[in-house]
Amino acid sequence: MSKESKRAVLHRMVTPEHTCPFGVKSLELLKQAGYQVEDHQLTTRNEVDTFMRDEGVQTTPQTYINGQRIGGHDELFAFLSDK
């Protein structure tokens, strides 16, 4: 896969009260793997709750590659480890 086609979308919690450490770790994993990351920061509790409800997930962060949901940090780590 060429560097130009290595794109990921990351949704992670970054509120004034809390920056999710797993979101930060996911961002770093993607960058280290050579992905260009579209970083969607969820900045309020309402945005986080709405995202989780709309996507049918229980946690953030969530990573999407080529339109496919990879999952949270642990799933992303496993996905990148298989590459």
N, C-alpha and C. Protein backbone atom coordinates (compact mmCIF):
# COMPACT_ATOMS: atom_id res chain seq x y z
N MET A 1 0.86 -1.18 0.00
CA MET A 1 0.00 0.00 0.00
C MET A 1 0.89 1.23 0.00
N SER A 2 0.66 2.14 -0.93
CA SER A 2 1.50 3.34 -1.00
C SER A 2 1.15 4.29 0.13
N LYS A 3 2.13 5.14 0.45
CA LYS A 3 1.92 6.10 1.56
C LYS A 3 0.71 6.99 1.27
N GLU A 4 0.51 7.36 -0.03
CA GLU A 4 -0.61 8.23 -0.37
C GLU A 4 -1.95 7.57 -0.08
N SER A 5 -2.03 6.24 -0.16
CA SER A 5 -3.30 5.58 0.05
C SER A 5 -3.48 5.13 1.50
N LYS A 6 -2.48 5.35 2.34
CA LYS A 6 -2.60 4.96 3.76
C LYS A 6 -3.27 6.10 4.53
N ARG A 7 -4.59 6.03 4.56
CA ARG A 7 -5.37 7.05 5.25
C ARG A 7 -6.25 6.39 6.30
N ALA A 8 -6.37 7.06 7.42
CA ALA A 8 -7.22 6.56 8.50
C ALA A 8 -8.03 7.71 9.07
N VAL A 9 -9.19 7.36 9.59
CA VAL A 9 -10.04 8.31 10.29
C VAL A 9 -10.11 7.86 11.74
N LEU A 10 -9.79 8.77 12.64
CA LEU A 10 -9.78 8.48 14.07
C LEU A 10 -10.76 9.40 14.78
N HIS A 11 -11.62 8.82 15.59
CA HIS A 11 -12.55 9.58 16.44
C HIS A 11 -12.10 9.33 17.87
N ARG A 12 -11.76 10.43 18.58
CA ARG A 12 -11.25 10.28 19.94
C ARG A 12 -11.72 11.41 20.84
N MET A 13 -11.75 11.14 22.14
CA MET A 13 -12.22 12.10 23.13
C MET A 13 -11.09 13.06 23.52
N VAL A 14 -11.36 14.35 23.30
CA VAL A 14 -10.44 15.41 23.74
C VAL A 14 -11.31 16.53 24.29
N THR A 15 -11.68 16.41 25.57
CA THR A 15 -12.51 17.43 26.21
C THR A 15 -11.63 18.28 27.12
N PRO A 16 -12.13 19.43 27.55
CA PRO A 16 -11.34 20.25 28.48
C PRO A 16 -11.00 19.48 29.77
N GLU A 17 -11.87 18.54 30.16
CA GLU A 17 -11.66 17.79 31.40
C GLU A 17 -10.78 16.55 31.22
N HIS A 18 -10.75 16.00 29.98
CA HIS A 18 -10.09 14.71 29.81
C HIS A 18 -9.68 14.49 28.35
N THR A 19 -8.42 14.13 28.17
CA THR A 19 -7.94 13.65 26.88
C THR A 19 -7.70 12.16 27.04
N CYS A 20 -8.41 11.37 26.25
CA CYS A 20 -8.32 9.92 26.37
C CYS A 20 -6.92 9.45 26.00
N PRO A 21 -6.22 8.78 26.91
CA PRO A 21 -4.87 8.31 26.60
C PRO A 21 -4.84 7.26 25.49
N PHE A 22 -5.91 6.48 25.36
CA PHE A 22 -5.95 5.49 24.30
C PHE A 22 -6.12 6.14 22.93
N GLY A 23 -6.77 7.29 22.90
CA GLY A 23 -6.89 8.06 21.67
C GLY A 23 -5.53 8.59 21.24
N VAL A 24 -4.77 9.09 22.20
CA VAL A 24 -3.42 9.59 21.92
C VAL A 24 -2.54 8.44 21.42
N LYS A 25 -2.63 7.29 22.08
CA LYS A 25 -1.85 6.12 21.67
C LYS A 25 -2.26 5.65 20.27
N SER A 26 -3.54 5.67 19.98
CA SER A 26 -4.01 5.25 18.65
C SER A 26 -3.48 6.19 17.57
N LEU A 27 -3.51 7.48 17.85
CA LEU A 27 -2.99 8.46 16.90
C LEU A 27 -1.52 8.20 16.62
N GLU A 28 -0.76 7.95 17.65
CA GLU A 28 0.67 7.68 17.49
C GLU A 28 0.92 6.38 16.73
N LEU A 29 0.16 5.34 17.03
CA LEU A 29 0.30 4.07 16.30
C LEU A 29 0.08 4.27 14.81
N LEU A 30 -0.97 5.02 14.48
CA LEU A 30 -1.28 5.26 13.07
C LEU A 30 -0.17 6.06 12.38
N LYS A 31 0.31 7.09 13.04
CA LYS A 31 1.38 7.90 12.46
C LYS A 31 2.65 7.07 12.28
N GLN A 32 2.99 6.25 13.27
CA GLN A 32 4.19 5.41 13.18
C GLN A 32 4.07 4.41 12.05
N ALA A 33 2.84 3.99 11.75
CA ALA A 33 2.62 3.03 10.68
C ALA A 33 2.52 3.71 9.32
N GLY A 34 2.67 5.03 9.29
CA GLY A 34 2.70 5.77 8.03
C GLY A 34 1.35 6.22 7.50
N TYR A 35 0.34 6.22 8.36
CA TYR A 35 -0.99 6.66 7.93
C TYR A 35 -1.12 8.18 8.01
N GLN A 36 -1.84 8.74 7.04
CA GLN A 36 -2.29 10.12 7.15
C GLN A 36 -3.60 10.04 7.93
N VAL A 37 -3.70 10.77 9.03
CA VAL A 37 -4.82 10.61 9.94
C VAL A 37 -5.74 11.82 9.88
N GLU A 38 -7.01 11.54 9.65
CA GLU A 38 -8.06 12.54 9.78
C GLU A 38 -8.53 12.42 11.23
N ASP A 39 -8.11 13.35 12.06
CA ASP A 39 -8.29 13.29 13.51
C ASP A 39 -9.56 14.04 13.91
N HIS A 40 -10.60 13.29 14.25
CA HIS A 40 -11.85 13.89 14.71
C HIS A 40 -11.86 13.89 16.23
N GLN A 41 -11.71 15.06 16.80
CA GLN A 41 -11.70 15.19 18.25
C GLN A 41 -13.12 15.47 18.73
N LEU A 42 -13.58 14.62 19.62
CA LEU A 42 -14.89 14.77 20.24
C LEU A 42 -14.69 15.61 21.50
N THR A 43 -15.19 16.84 21.49
CA THR A 43 -14.78 17.82 22.49
C THR A 43 -15.77 18.04 23.63
N THR A 44 -16.92 17.37 23.57
CA THR A 44 -17.88 17.47 24.67
C THR A 44 -18.42 16.07 24.98
N ARG A 45 -18.94 15.91 26.15
CA ARG A 45 -19.53 14.62 26.54
C ARG A 45 -20.67 14.28 25.59
N ASN A 46 -21.45 15.29 25.19
CA ASN A 46 -22.56 15.07 24.27
C ASN A 46 -22.06 14.55 22.92
N GLU A 47 -20.96 15.12 22.40
CA GLU A 47 -20.40 14.64 21.13
C GLU A 47 -19.95 13.19 21.25
N VAL A 48 -19.32 12.86 22.37
CA VAL A 48 -18.85 11.48 22.60
C VAL A 48 -20.05 10.54 22.64
N ASP A 49 -21.06 10.88 23.43
CA ASP A 49 -22.23 10.02 23.57
C ASP A 49 -22.97 9.86 22.25
N THR A 50 -23.11 10.95 21.50
CA THR A 50 -23.79 10.90 20.20
C THR A 50 -23.01 10.02 19.22
N PHE A 51 -21.69 10.18 19.18
CA PHE A 51 -20.87 9.36 18.31
C PHE A 51 -21.03 7.88 18.64
N MET A 52 -20.93 7.54 19.92
CA MET A 52 -21.02 6.13 20.32
C MET A 52 -22.40 5.56 20.00
N ARG A 53 -23.44 6.33 20.22
CA ARG A 53 -24.80 5.88 19.91
C ARG A 53 -24.95 5.68 18.40
N ASP A 54 -24.54 6.67 17.62
CA ASP A 54 -24.71 6.61 16.17
C ASP A 54 -23.90 5.48 15.54
N GLU A 55 -22.73 5.20 16.07
CA GLU A 55 -21.86 4.16 15.51
C GLU A 55 -22.09 2.79 16.14
N GLY A 56 -22.89 2.74 17.21
CA GLY A 56 -23.17 1.47 17.86
C GLY A 56 -21.95 0.88 18.56
N VAL A 57 -21.14 1.75 19.15
CA VAL A 57 -19.93 1.31 19.86
C VAL A 57 -20.02 1.70 21.32
N GLN A 58 -19.21 1.04 22.15
CA GLN A 58 -19.24 1.28 23.59
C GLN A 58 -18.12 2.21 24.06
N THR A 59 -17.10 2.41 23.21
CA THR A 59 -15.93 3.17 23.64
C THR A 59 -15.39 4.05 22.52
N THR A 60 -14.60 5.01 22.92
CA THR A 60 -13.73 5.73 22.00
C THR A 60 -12.32 5.51 22.53
N PRO A 61 -11.33 5.56 21.69
CA PRO A 61 -11.34 5.96 20.29
C PRO A 61 -11.86 4.84 19.39
N GLN A 62 -12.19 5.24 18.16
CA GLN A 62 -12.55 4.30 17.11
C GLN A 62 -11.79 4.72 15.85
N THR A 63 -11.19 3.73 15.19
CA THR A 63 -10.40 3.97 13.99
C THR A 63 -11.08 3.31 12.80
N TYR A 64 -11.07 4.02 11.68
CA TYR A 64 -11.62 3.52 10.42
C TYR A 64 -10.52 3.61 9.37
N ILE A 65 -10.34 2.52 8.62
CA ILE A 65 -9.38 2.49 7.53
C ILE A 65 -10.11 1.97 6.30
N ASN A 66 -10.01 2.73 5.21
CA ASN A 66 -10.72 2.38 3.97
C ASN A 66 -12.21 2.15 4.21
N GLY A 67 -12.81 2.97 5.08
CA GLY A 67 -14.23 2.88 5.36
C GLY A 67 -14.63 1.76 6.29
N GLN A 68 -13.68 0.95 6.70
CA GLN A 68 -13.96 -0.18 7.59
C GLN A 68 -13.59 0.18 9.02
N ARG A 69 -14.53 -0.08 9.95
CA ARG A 69 -14.21 0.19 11.35
C ARG A 69 -13.26 -0.89 11.85
N ILE A 70 -12.10 -0.44 12.33
CA ILE A 70 -11.11 -1.35 12.90
C ILE A 70 -11.45 -1.59 14.36
N GLY A 71 -11.82 -0.53 15.06
CA GLY A 71 -12.20 -0.64 16.47
C GLY A 71 -11.40 0.29 17.34
N GLY A 72 -11.30 -0.08 18.60
CA GLY A 72 -10.58 0.73 19.58
C GLY A 72 -9.09 0.50 19.53
N HIS A 73 -8.40 0.99 20.54
CA HIS A 73 -6.93 0.92 20.57
C HIS A 73 -6.42 -0.51 20.45
N ASP A 74 -6.97 -1.43 21.23
CA ASP A 74 -6.48 -2.82 21.21
C ASP A 74 -6.68 -3.46 19.84
N GLU A 75 -7.83 -3.22 19.23
CA GLU A 75 -8.10 -3.76 17.90
C GLU A 75 -7.18 -3.13 16.85
N LEU A 76 -6.92 -1.84 17.00
CA LEU A 76 -6.00 -1.16 16.08
C LEU A 76 -4.60 -1.74 16.22
N PHE A 77 -4.16 -1.94 17.44
CA PHE A 77 -2.83 -2.51 17.67
C PHE A 77 -2.71 -3.88 17.01
N ALA A 78 -3.73 -4.71 17.18
CA ALA A 78 -3.73 -6.05 16.58
C ALA A 78 -3.75 -5.96 15.05
N PHE A 79 -4.56 -5.05 14.51
CA PHE A 79 -4.65 -4.85 13.07
C PHE A 79 -3.29 -4.46 12.49
N LEU A 80 -2.63 -3.50 13.13
CA LEU A 80 -1.34 -3.04 12.62
C LEU A 80 -0.26 -4.09 12.84
N SER A 81 -0.38 -4.89 13.86
CA SER A 81 0.60 -5.95 14.12
C SER A 81 0.53 -7.04 13.06
N ASP A 82 -0.63 -7.22 12.46
CA ASP A 82 -0.82 -8.24 11.42
C ASP A 82 -0.27 -7.80 10.07
N LYS A 83 0.10 -6.56 9.95
CA LYS A 83 0.56 -6.02 8.66
C LYS A 83 2.03 -6.30 8.44
